Amino acid sequence: MILNDKQIRKLVEEEDMINPFVDKLIHKGISHGLGTAGYDIRCGDEFKIFSNAKSAIIDPLDFTEDSFITVKGESSILIPPNSFALASSMEYFKMPRRVTGLVTAKSTYARSGLGTPSSVLEGGWRGNLVMEFANHSNLPIKLYANSGAAQILFFEGAEPEVSYADGKRKYQDQRGITLAKSK
């Protein structure tokens, strides 16, 4: 079952699922906050923009910082055509074991050619969400810091036998932009 605004608010109040939490949609700039059937998250002001300046190869099993440039403290960045950037959510999540989140694109960015590949927030996971942004256009696209960046839909089901919190999972309790890990 997909959760509505009342159910999301209750999970925030009882289980601190989203922090900081904005109790309504804020429409200044690109919207963020609680919507009817989801929550629009913001990206912070640190970005990692993929670049071939060092002729690096992206290897998810041996990820190095040679693949991108880091920009911090700017109000926006330009993602080059056919390129990709990472950003971290301003919000910290504590997913209840019985709740799963699905990340989707904001329509304003999607209509501009900026894709946000879907990602899953598993029950039991905690941390800042690392968001991926892919420029599918042949023009640079501006991505704004401290502004709406993606939407999360929340689903509730039966509590699983094993959650993300059980065992040593590689992205548990991540803060900021966490790069790809092979272990």
N, C-alpha and C. Protein backbone atom coordinates (compact mmCIF):
# COMPACT_ATOMS: atom_id res chain seq x y z
N MET A 1 0.84 -1.17 0.00
CA MET A 1 0.00 0.00 0.00
C MET A 1 0.89 1.24 0.00
N ILE A 2 0.59 2.16 -0.91
CA ILE A 2 1.33 3.43 -0.94
C ILE A 2 0.81 4.31 0.20
N LEU A 3 1.72 5.01 0.87
CA LEU A 3 1.34 5.83 2.01
C LEU A 3 0.98 7.24 1.58
N ASN A 4 -0.02 7.82 2.25
CA ASN A 4 -0.43 9.19 1.96
C ASN A 4 0.21 10.15 2.96
N ASP A 5 -0.11 11.43 2.82
CA ASP A 5 0.50 12.46 3.67
C ASP A 5 0.26 12.22 5.16
N LYS A 6 -0.95 11.81 5.55
CA LYS A 6 -1.24 11.56 6.97
C LYS A 6 -0.40 10.41 7.52
N GLN A 7 -0.24 9.36 6.73
CA GLN A 7 0.53 8.19 7.17
C GLN A 7 2.03 8.51 7.25
N ILE A 8 2.53 9.28 6.29
CA ILE A 8 3.95 9.67 6.32
C ILE A 8 4.21 10.56 7.53
N ARG A 9 3.35 11.54 7.76
CA ARG A 9 3.50 12.43 8.92
C ARG A 9 3.53 11.63 10.22
N LYS A 10 2.66 10.64 10.35
CA LYS A 10 2.60 9.81 11.56
C LYS A 10 3.92 9.03 11.75
N LEU A 11 4.48 8.50 10.66
CA LEU A 11 5.76 7.79 10.77
C LEU A 11 6.89 8.73 11.17
N VAL A 12 6.83 9.96 10.70
CA VAL A 12 7.84 10.95 11.09
C VAL A 12 7.70 11.27 12.58
N GLU A 13 6.48 11.49 13.03
CA GLU A 13 6.24 11.83 14.43
C GLU A 13 6.59 10.68 15.37
N GLU A 14 6.25 9.46 14.99
CA GLU A 14 6.44 8.31 15.88
C GLU A 14 7.80 7.64 15.75
N GLU A 15 8.40 7.71 14.55
CA GLU A 15 9.64 6.95 14.31
C GLU A 15 10.77 7.79 13.74
N ASP A 16 10.58 9.11 13.65
CA ASP A 16 11.61 10.02 13.14
C ASP A 16 12.14 9.57 11.78
N MET A 17 11.21 9.20 10.88
CA MET A 17 11.59 8.62 9.59
C MET A 17 12.34 9.61 8.69
N ILE A 18 12.02 10.91 8.77
CA ILE A 18 12.66 11.92 7.92
C ILE A 18 13.05 13.10 8.80
N ASN A 19 14.33 13.50 8.72
CA ASN A 19 14.80 14.62 9.53
C ASN A 19 15.87 15.40 8.77
N PRO A 20 15.69 16.69 8.52
CA PRO A 20 14.55 17.52 8.90
C PRO A 20 13.34 17.19 8.03
N PHE A 21 12.17 17.47 8.59
CA PHE A 21 10.89 17.18 7.94
C PHE A 21 10.15 18.48 7.70
N VAL A 22 9.69 18.68 6.48
CA VAL A 22 8.88 19.86 6.12
C VAL A 22 7.45 19.36 5.93
N ASP A 23 6.53 19.83 6.75
CA ASP A 23 5.18 19.31 6.89
C ASP A 23 4.23 19.64 5.73
N LYS A 24 4.69 20.38 4.74
CA LYS A 24 3.84 20.72 3.59
C LYS A 24 4.76 20.99 2.41
N LEU A 25 4.18 21.02 1.22
CA LEU A 25 4.97 21.36 0.03
C LEU A 25 5.30 22.85 0.04
N ILE A 26 6.55 23.16 -0.11
CA ILE A 26 7.02 24.53 -0.24
C ILE A 26 7.26 24.76 -1.72
N HIS A 27 6.54 25.72 -2.30
CA HIS A 27 6.57 25.91 -3.76
C HIS A 27 7.54 26.98 -4.22
N LYS A 28 8.37 27.50 -3.34
CA LYS A 28 9.36 28.50 -3.76
C LYS A 28 10.48 27.77 -4.50
N GLY A 29 10.74 28.17 -5.74
CA GLY A 29 11.73 27.46 -6.54
C GLY A 29 11.18 26.10 -6.95
N ILE A 30 11.98 25.06 -6.84
CA ILE A 30 11.53 23.71 -7.14
C ILE A 30 11.04 23.11 -5.82
N SER A 31 9.80 22.69 -5.79
CA SER A 31 9.12 22.34 -4.54
C SER A 31 9.81 21.22 -3.77
N HIS A 32 9.62 21.29 -2.44
CA HIS A 32 10.11 20.25 -1.54
C HIS A 32 9.15 20.14 -0.36
N GLY A 33 9.19 19.01 0.33
CA GLY A 33 8.35 18.80 1.49
C GLY A 33 7.31 17.72 1.26
N LEU A 34 6.36 17.63 2.20
CA LEU A 34 5.34 16.59 2.19
C LEU A 34 4.28 16.87 1.15
N GLY A 35 4.07 15.91 0.26
CA GLY A 35 3.02 15.99 -0.75
C GLY A 35 1.89 15.05 -0.40
N THR A 36 0.94 14.93 -1.27
CA THR A 36 -0.24 14.09 -1.05
C THR A 36 0.13 12.62 -0.89
N ALA A 37 1.06 12.14 -1.71
CA ALA A 37 1.41 10.72 -1.69
C ALA A 37 2.92 10.52 -1.78
N GLY A 38 3.67 11.35 -1.09
CA GLY A 38 5.12 11.20 -1.12
C GLY A 38 5.80 12.38 -0.46
N TYR A 39 7.11 12.37 -0.54
CA TYR A 39 7.90 13.43 0.07
C TYR A 39 8.96 13.87 -0.93
N ASP A 40 9.02 15.18 -1.19
CA ASP A 40 10.00 15.74 -2.12
C ASP A 40 11.24 16.16 -1.33
N ILE A 41 12.36 15.50 -1.61
CA ILE A 41 13.60 15.75 -0.87
C ILE A 41 14.44 16.79 -1.58
N ARG A 42 15.37 17.37 -0.82
CA ARG A 42 16.28 18.39 -1.33
C ARG A 42 17.69 17.83 -1.40
N CYS A 43 18.49 18.36 -2.32
CA CYS A 43 19.90 18.01 -2.32
C CYS A 43 20.68 19.11 -1.62
N GLY A 44 21.77 18.73 -1.00
CA GLY A 44 22.62 19.69 -0.31
C GLY A 44 23.45 20.48 -1.29
N ASP A 45 24.53 21.09 -0.80
CA ASP A 45 25.35 21.96 -1.66
C ASP A 45 26.69 21.34 -2.01
N GLU A 46 26.79 20.02 -1.93
CA GLU A 46 27.99 19.33 -2.42
C GLU A 46 27.57 18.42 -3.56
N PHE A 47 28.34 18.49 -4.65
CA PHE A 47 28.04 17.71 -5.85
C PHE A 47 29.32 17.05 -6.35
N LYS A 48 29.17 15.89 -6.93
CA LYS A 48 30.27 15.22 -7.61
C LYS A 48 29.82 15.04 -9.06
N ILE A 49 30.50 15.76 -9.96
CA ILE A 49 30.14 15.76 -11.37
C ILE A 49 31.15 14.91 -12.12
N PHE A 50 30.65 13.91 -12.82
CA PHE A 50 31.54 13.01 -13.54
C PHE A 50 32.20 13.75 -14.70
N SER A 51 33.50 13.50 -14.87
CA SER A 51 34.30 14.20 -15.86
C SER A 51 35.36 13.25 -16.40
N ASN A 52 35.68 13.41 -17.66
CA ASN A 52 36.77 12.60 -18.23
C ASN A 52 38.08 13.39 -18.29
N ALA A 53 38.20 14.41 -17.48
CA ALA A 53 39.40 15.26 -17.49
C ALA A 53 40.68 14.47 -17.23
N LYS A 54 40.59 13.40 -16.45
CA LYS A 54 41.78 12.59 -16.13
C LYS A 54 41.77 11.25 -16.87
N SER A 55 40.90 11.15 -17.88
CA SER A 55 40.76 9.91 -18.66
C SER A 55 40.56 8.69 -17.77
N ALA A 56 39.80 8.86 -16.73
CA ALA A 56 39.53 7.77 -15.80
C ALA A 56 38.47 6.83 -16.36
N ILE A 57 38.44 5.65 -15.83
CA ILE A 57 37.42 4.66 -16.16
C ILE A 57 36.57 4.48 -14.91
N ILE A 58 35.26 4.48 -15.08
CA ILE A 58 34.38 4.25 -13.93
C ILE A 58 34.27 2.75 -13.72
N ASP A 59 34.75 2.30 -12.58
CA ASP A 59 34.69 0.89 -12.21
C ASP A 59 33.98 0.79 -10.87
N PRO A 60 32.73 0.30 -10.83
CA PRO A 60 32.01 0.25 -9.57
C PRO A 60 32.65 -0.66 -8.53
N LEU A 61 33.55 -1.54 -8.96
CA LEU A 61 34.25 -2.41 -8.00
C LEU A 61 35.56 -1.80 -7.52
N ASP A 62 35.99 -0.72 -8.16
CA ASP A 62 37.22 -0.03 -7.76
C ASP A 62 37.03 1.45 -8.05
N PHE A 63 36.13 2.06 -7.32
CA PHE A 63 35.72 3.44 -7.58
C PHE A 63 36.75 4.41 -7.03
N THR A 64 37.18 5.37 -7.88
CA THR A 64 38.16 6.35 -7.43
C THR A 64 37.62 7.77 -7.66
N GLU A 65 38.21 8.72 -7.00
CA GLU A 65 37.79 10.11 -7.14
C GLU A 65 38.29 10.73 -8.44
N ASP A 66 39.07 10.01 -9.23
CA ASP A 66 39.54 10.52 -10.52
C ASP A 66 38.42 10.64 -11.54
N SER A 67 37.26 10.06 -11.25
CA SER A 67 36.14 10.03 -12.20
C SER A 67 35.30 11.29 -12.18
N PHE A 68 35.51 12.17 -11.22
CA PHE A 68 34.64 13.33 -11.10
C PHE A 68 35.35 14.52 -10.48
N ILE A 69 34.69 15.66 -10.56
CA ILE A 69 35.15 16.85 -9.83
C ILE A 69 34.13 17.13 -8.73
N THR A 70 34.59 17.65 -7.63
CA THR A 70 33.71 17.97 -6.51
C THR A 70 33.48 19.47 -6.45
N VAL A 71 32.22 19.85 -6.31
CA VAL A 71 31.83 21.25 -6.18
C VAL A 71 31.07 21.35 -4.86
N LYS A 72 31.48 22.29 -4.01
CA LYS A 72 30.82 22.44 -2.71
C LYS A 72 30.57 23.91 -2.43
N GLY A 73 29.41 24.19 -1.81
CA GLY A 73 29.09 25.54 -1.38
C GLY A 73 28.48 26.43 -2.43
N GLU A 74 28.19 25.92 -3.60
CA GLU A 74 27.56 26.72 -4.66
C GLU A 74 26.05 26.58 -4.58
N SER A 75 25.32 27.58 -5.07
CA SER A 75 23.86 27.52 -5.04
C SER A 75 23.30 26.64 -6.16
N SER A 76 24.13 26.36 -7.17
CA SER A 76 23.72 25.46 -8.25
C SER A 76 24.96 24.97 -8.97
N ILE A 77 24.77 23.94 -9.78
CA ILE A 77 25.84 23.44 -10.65
C ILE A 77 25.27 23.26 -12.05
N LEU A 78 26.17 23.15 -13.01
CA LEU A 78 25.78 22.78 -14.37
C LEU A 78 26.24 21.35 -14.61
N ILE A 79 25.30 20.51 -15.01
CA ILE A 79 25.64 19.14 -15.39
C ILE A 79 25.80 19.15 -16.90
N PRO A 80 27.00 18.82 -17.39
CA PRO A 80 27.25 18.87 -18.84
C PRO A 80 26.34 17.91 -19.61
N PRO A 81 26.18 18.14 -20.91
CA PRO A 81 25.38 17.23 -21.74
C PRO A 81 25.87 15.80 -21.61
N ASN A 82 24.94 14.86 -21.59
CA ASN A 82 25.24 13.44 -21.53
C ASN A 82 26.19 13.11 -20.38
N SER A 83 26.05 13.79 -19.27
CA SER A 83 26.90 13.57 -18.11
C SER A 83 26.04 13.22 -16.91
N PHE A 84 26.68 13.16 -15.77
CA PHE A 84 26.07 12.56 -14.59
C PHE A 84 26.63 13.25 -13.35
N ALA A 85 25.82 13.41 -12.32
CA ALA A 85 26.30 14.00 -11.06
C ALA A 85 25.67 13.27 -9.88
N LEU A 86 26.34 13.34 -8.74
CA LEU A 86 25.84 12.79 -7.48
C LEU A 86 25.63 13.94 -6.50
N ALA A 87 24.63 13.79 -5.65
CA ALA A 87 24.39 14.74 -4.56
C ALA A 87 23.77 13.95 -3.41
N SER A 88 23.89 14.51 -2.22
CA SER A 88 23.32 13.88 -1.03
C SER A 88 22.07 14.63 -0.61
N SER A 89 21.10 13.90 -0.09
CA SER A 89 19.89 14.56 0.41
C SER A 89 20.21 15.35 1.67
N MET A 90 19.51 16.44 1.86
CA MET A 90 19.62 17.20 3.11
C MET A 90 18.96 16.40 4.23
N GLU A 91 17.99 15.58 3.86
CA GLU A 91 17.24 14.80 4.84
C GLU A 91 17.99 13.52 5.21
N TYR A 92 17.86 13.15 6.48
CA TYR A 92 18.39 11.88 6.99
C TYR A 92 17.18 10.98 7.22
N PHE A 93 17.29 9.74 6.77
CA PHE A 93 16.17 8.80 6.86
C PHE A 93 16.46 7.70 7.88
N LYS A 94 15.42 7.32 8.59
CA LYS A 94 15.43 6.15 9.47
C LYS A 94 14.21 5.33 9.05
N MET A 95 14.43 4.42 8.12
CA MET A 95 13.31 3.68 7.54
C MET A 95 12.83 2.60 8.51
N PRO A 96 11.54 2.64 8.87
CA PRO A 96 10.99 1.55 9.67
C PRO A 96 11.12 0.23 8.91
N ARG A 97 11.22 -0.86 9.62
CA ARG A 97 11.43 -2.17 8.99
C ARG A 97 10.33 -2.53 8.00
N ARG A 98 9.13 -2.06 8.21
CA ARG A 98 7.98 -2.44 7.38
C ARG A 98 7.73 -1.46 6.23
N VAL A 99 8.59 -0.43 6.07
CA VAL A 99 8.37 0.61 5.07
C VAL A 99 9.52 0.60 4.06
N THR A 100 9.17 0.72 2.79
CA THR A 100 10.14 0.82 1.70
C THR A 100 9.88 2.12 0.96
N GLY A 101 10.95 2.82 0.58
CA GLY A 101 10.82 4.05 -0.20
C GLY A 101 11.32 3.84 -1.61
N LEU A 102 10.67 4.45 -2.57
CA LEU A 102 11.08 4.39 -3.97
C LEU A 102 11.34 5.81 -4.46
N VAL A 103 12.55 6.08 -4.91
CA VAL A 103 12.94 7.40 -5.39
C VAL A 103 12.53 7.55 -6.84
N THR A 104 11.89 8.68 -7.14
CA THR A 104 11.50 9.00 -8.51
C THR A 104 11.93 10.43 -8.83
N ALA A 105 11.87 10.77 -10.09
CA ALA A 105 12.30 12.11 -10.54
C ALA A 105 11.25 13.16 -10.21
N LYS A 106 11.70 14.37 -10.06
CA LYS A 106 10.80 15.53 -9.98
C LYS A 106 10.41 15.88 -11.42
N SER A 107 9.14 16.14 -11.66
CA SER A 107 8.69 16.39 -13.03
C SER A 107 9.34 17.62 -13.64
N THR A 108 9.63 18.65 -12.85
CA THR A 108 10.27 19.85 -13.38
C THR A 108 11.63 19.50 -13.99
N TYR A 109 12.42 18.70 -13.29
CA TYR A 109 13.72 18.30 -13.82
C TYR A 109 13.56 17.31 -14.98
N ALA A 110 12.65 16.35 -14.85
CA ALA A 110 12.45 15.36 -15.92
C ALA A 110 12.06 16.05 -17.23
N ARG A 111 11.23 17.08 -17.14
CA ARG A 111 10.81 17.81 -18.34
C ARG A 111 11.93 18.65 -18.94
N SER A 112 13.01 18.80 -18.17
CA SER A 112 14.18 19.54 -18.65
C SER A 112 15.26 18.61 -19.18
N GLY A 113 15.03 17.31 -19.11
CA GLY A 113 16.00 16.34 -19.60
C GLY A 113 16.89 15.75 -18.53
N LEU A 114 16.62 16.08 -17.26
CA LEU A 114 17.44 15.56 -16.17
C LEU A 114 16.73 14.36 -15.54
N GLY A 115 17.36 13.22 -15.64
CA GLY A 115 16.79 11.99 -15.09
C GLY A 115 17.33 11.70 -13.71
N THR A 116 16.48 11.14 -12.88
CA THR A 116 16.88 10.68 -11.56
C THR A 116 16.59 9.18 -11.53
N PRO A 117 17.62 8.36 -11.75
CA PRO A 117 17.37 6.91 -11.74
C PRO A 117 16.72 6.49 -10.42
N SER A 118 15.77 5.57 -10.52
CA SER A 118 15.09 5.13 -9.31
C SER A 118 16.06 4.40 -8.39
N SER A 119 15.78 4.51 -7.12
CA SER A 119 16.58 3.88 -6.08
C SER A 119 15.61 3.46 -4.99
N VAL A 120 16.02 2.52 -4.16
CA VAL A 120 15.14 2.00 -3.13
C VAL A 120 15.72 2.27 -1.76
N LEU A 121 14.89 2.75 -0.85
CA LEU A 121 15.25 2.88 0.56
C LEU A 121 14.63 1.68 1.26
N GLU A 122 15.44 0.71 1.59
CA GLU A 122 14.93 -0.53 2.17
C GLU A 122 14.54 -0.34 3.63
N GLY A 123 13.59 -1.15 4.07
CA GLY A 123 13.20 -1.15 5.47
C GLY A 123 14.41 -1.40 6.35
N GLY A 124 14.60 -0.57 7.38
CA GLY A 124 15.73 -0.71 8.29
C GLY A 124 16.94 0.14 7.92
N TRP A 125 16.95 0.72 6.70
CA TRP A 125 18.10 1.53 6.27
C TRP A 125 18.05 2.89 6.95
N ARG A 126 19.25 3.42 7.27
CA ARG A 126 19.39 4.77 7.84
C ARG A 126 20.49 5.51 7.08
N GLY A 127 20.27 6.80 6.86
CA GLY A 127 21.33 7.61 6.25
C GLY A 127 20.79 8.73 5.39
N ASN A 128 21.74 9.52 4.85
CA ASN A 128 21.41 10.50 3.82
C ASN A 128 21.36 9.74 2.50
N LEU A 129 20.40 10.05 1.69
CA LEU A 129 20.25 9.39 0.41
C LEU A 129 21.22 10.01 -0.60
N VAL A 130 21.97 9.19 -1.30
CA VAL A 130 22.80 9.69 -2.41
C VAL A 130 21.95 9.58 -3.67
N MET A 131 21.75 10.73 -4.30
CA MET A 131 20.92 10.78 -5.50
C MET A 131 21.81 10.89 -6.74
N GLU A 132 21.35 10.27 -7.79
CA GLU A 132 22.04 10.32 -9.06
C GLU A 132 21.22 11.17 -10.02
N PHE A 133 21.91 12.00 -10.79
CA PHE A 133 21.24 12.86 -11.77
C PHE A 133 21.94 12.69 -13.11
N ALA A 134 21.19 12.27 -14.12
CA ALA A 134 21.73 12.04 -15.46
C ALA A 134 21.15 13.05 -16.44
N ASN A 135 22.05 13.79 -17.10
CA ASN A 135 21.62 14.76 -18.11
C ASN A 135 21.47 14.02 -19.44
N HIS A 136 20.22 13.83 -19.85
CA HIS A 136 19.93 13.11 -21.09
C HIS A 136 19.88 14.03 -22.31
N SER A 137 20.10 15.31 -22.08
CA SER A 137 19.99 16.27 -23.19
C SER A 137 21.36 16.59 -23.78
N ASN A 138 21.34 17.36 -24.86
CA ASN A 138 22.60 17.80 -25.47
C ASN A 138 22.97 19.21 -25.02
N LEU A 139 22.32 19.71 -23.95
CA LEU A 139 22.60 21.02 -23.38
C LEU A 139 22.92 20.87 -21.89
N PRO A 140 23.70 21.78 -21.32
CA PRO A 140 23.92 21.73 -19.87
C PRO A 140 22.59 21.96 -19.13
N ILE A 141 22.44 21.32 -17.97
CA ILE A 141 21.25 21.50 -17.14
C ILE A 141 21.70 21.97 -15.76
N LYS A 142 20.99 22.98 -15.24
CA LYS A 142 21.30 23.51 -13.92
C LYS A 142 20.56 22.71 -12.86
N LEU A 143 21.28 22.29 -11.82
CA LEU A 143 20.71 21.59 -10.66
C LEU A 143 20.95 22.48 -9.45
N TYR A 144 19.90 22.74 -8.69
CA TYR A 144 19.96 23.68 -7.58
C TYR A 144 20.19 23.00 -6.24
N ALA A 145 21.07 23.58 -5.44
CA ALA A 145 21.30 23.12 -4.07
C ALA A 145 20.16 23.60 -3.17
N ASN A 146 19.94 22.90 -2.09
CA ASN A 146 18.95 23.29 -1.07
C ASN A 146 17.56 23.48 -1.66
N SER A 147 17.24 22.69 -2.68
CA SER A 147 15.98 22.81 -3.39
C SER A 147 15.47 21.41 -3.70
N GLY A 148 14.17 21.32 -4.05
CA GLY A 148 13.60 20.03 -4.41
C GLY A 148 14.42 19.34 -5.49
N ALA A 149 14.68 18.04 -5.31
CA ALA A 149 15.54 17.34 -6.26
C ALA A 149 14.96 16.00 -6.72
N ALA A 150 14.20 15.34 -5.86
CA ALA A 150 13.61 14.04 -6.20
C ALA A 150 12.42 13.81 -5.29
N GLN A 151 11.58 12.86 -5.65
CA GLN A 151 10.42 12.51 -4.83
C GLN A 151 10.56 11.08 -4.36
N ILE A 152 10.11 10.83 -3.14
CA ILE A 152 10.10 9.47 -2.61
C ILE A 152 8.66 9.06 -2.35
N LEU A 153 8.29 7.92 -2.88
CA LEU A 153 7.00 7.29 -2.59
C LEU A 153 7.27 6.23 -1.53
N PHE A 154 6.41 6.14 -0.53
CA PHE A 154 6.60 5.18 0.56
C PHE A 154 5.52 4.10 0.49
N PHE A 155 5.94 2.87 0.73
CA PHE A 155 5.04 1.72 0.72
C PHE A 155 5.19 0.98 2.03
N GLU A 156 4.07 0.52 2.58
CA GLU A 156 4.11 -0.23 3.82
C GLU A 156 3.61 -1.64 3.57
N GLY A 157 4.31 -2.59 4.16
CA GLY A 157 3.93 -3.99 4.04
C GLY A 157 4.22 -4.70 5.34
N ALA A 158 4.20 -6.00 5.29
CA ALA A 158 4.52 -6.81 6.47
C ALA A 158 6.01 -6.65 6.77
N GLU A 159 6.35 -6.74 8.05
CA GLU A 159 7.75 -6.61 8.45
C GLU A 159 8.54 -7.81 7.91
N PRO A 160 9.70 -7.57 7.26
CA PRO A 160 10.47 -8.66 6.69
C PRO A 160 11.20 -9.47 7.76
N GLU A 161 11.62 -10.65 7.40
CA GLU A 161 12.42 -11.47 8.31
C GLU A 161 13.80 -10.83 8.51
N VAL A 162 14.37 -10.30 7.42
CA VAL A 162 15.68 -9.66 7.47
C VAL A 162 15.55 -8.27 6.86
N SER A 163 15.95 -7.23 7.60
CA SER A 163 15.89 -5.87 7.08
C SER A 163 17.31 -5.40 6.76
N TYR A 164 17.39 -4.22 6.16
CA TYR A 164 18.70 -3.64 5.83
C TYR A 164 19.54 -3.45 7.09
N ALA A 165 18.89 -3.20 8.22
CA ALA A 165 19.61 -2.96 9.48
C ALA A 165 20.26 -4.23 10.03
N ASP A 166 19.81 -5.39 9.57
CA ASP A 166 20.36 -6.65 10.06
C ASP A 166 21.64 -6.98 9.29
N GLY A 167 22.71 -7.21 10.01
CA GLY A 167 23.97 -7.52 9.35
C GLY A 167 24.74 -6.25 9.04
N LYS A 168 25.87 -6.40 8.40
CA LYS A 168 26.73 -5.25 8.06
C LYS A 168 26.53 -4.91 6.60
N ARG A 169 25.63 -3.97 6.33
CA ARG A 169 25.35 -3.54 4.97
C ARG A 169 26.19 -2.31 4.66
N LYS A 170 26.68 -2.19 3.45
CA LYS A 170 27.72 -1.21 3.11
C LYS A 170 27.27 0.25 3.10
N TYR A 171 25.98 0.54 2.98
CA TYR A 171 25.54 1.93 2.94
C TYR A 171 24.75 2.34 4.19
N GLN A 172 24.78 1.52 5.23
CA GLN A 172 24.06 1.85 6.46
C GLN A 172 24.71 3.04 7.15
N ASP A 173 23.91 3.99 7.60
CA ASP A 173 24.34 5.18 8.34
C ASP A 173 25.23 6.11 7.53
N GLN A 174 25.10 6.10 6.20
CA GLN A 174 25.93 6.99 5.38
C GLN A 174 25.56 8.44 5.59
N ARG A 175 26.57 9.28 5.55
CA ARG A 175 26.40 10.74 5.67
C ARG A 175 27.05 11.37 4.45
N GLY A 176 26.39 12.35 3.86
CA GLY A 176 26.97 13.00 2.70
C GLY A 176 27.00 12.09 1.49
N ILE A 177 27.83 12.45 0.52
CA ILE A 177 27.93 11.66 -0.71
C ILE A 177 28.84 10.48 -0.45
N THR A 178 28.25 9.30 -0.44
CA THR A 178 29.01 8.06 -0.29
C THR A 178 29.19 7.47 -1.68
N LEU A 179 30.43 7.21 -2.04
CA LEU A 179 30.71 6.66 -3.37
C LEU A 179 30.39 5.18 -3.42
N ALA A 180 30.34 4.63 -4.64
CA ALA A 180 30.08 3.22 -4.83
C ALA A 180 31.09 2.38 -4.07
N LYS A 181 30.61 1.35 -3.41
CA LYS A 181 31.46 0.43 -2.64
C LYS A 181 31.27 -0.97 -3.18
N SER A 182 32.34 -1.72 -3.26
CA SER A 182 32.22 -3.11 -3.72
C SER A 182 32.05 -4.06 -2.54
N LYS A 183 32.38 -3.61 -1.34
CA LYS A 183 32.24 -4.49 -0.17
C LYS A 183 31.59 -3.73 0.96
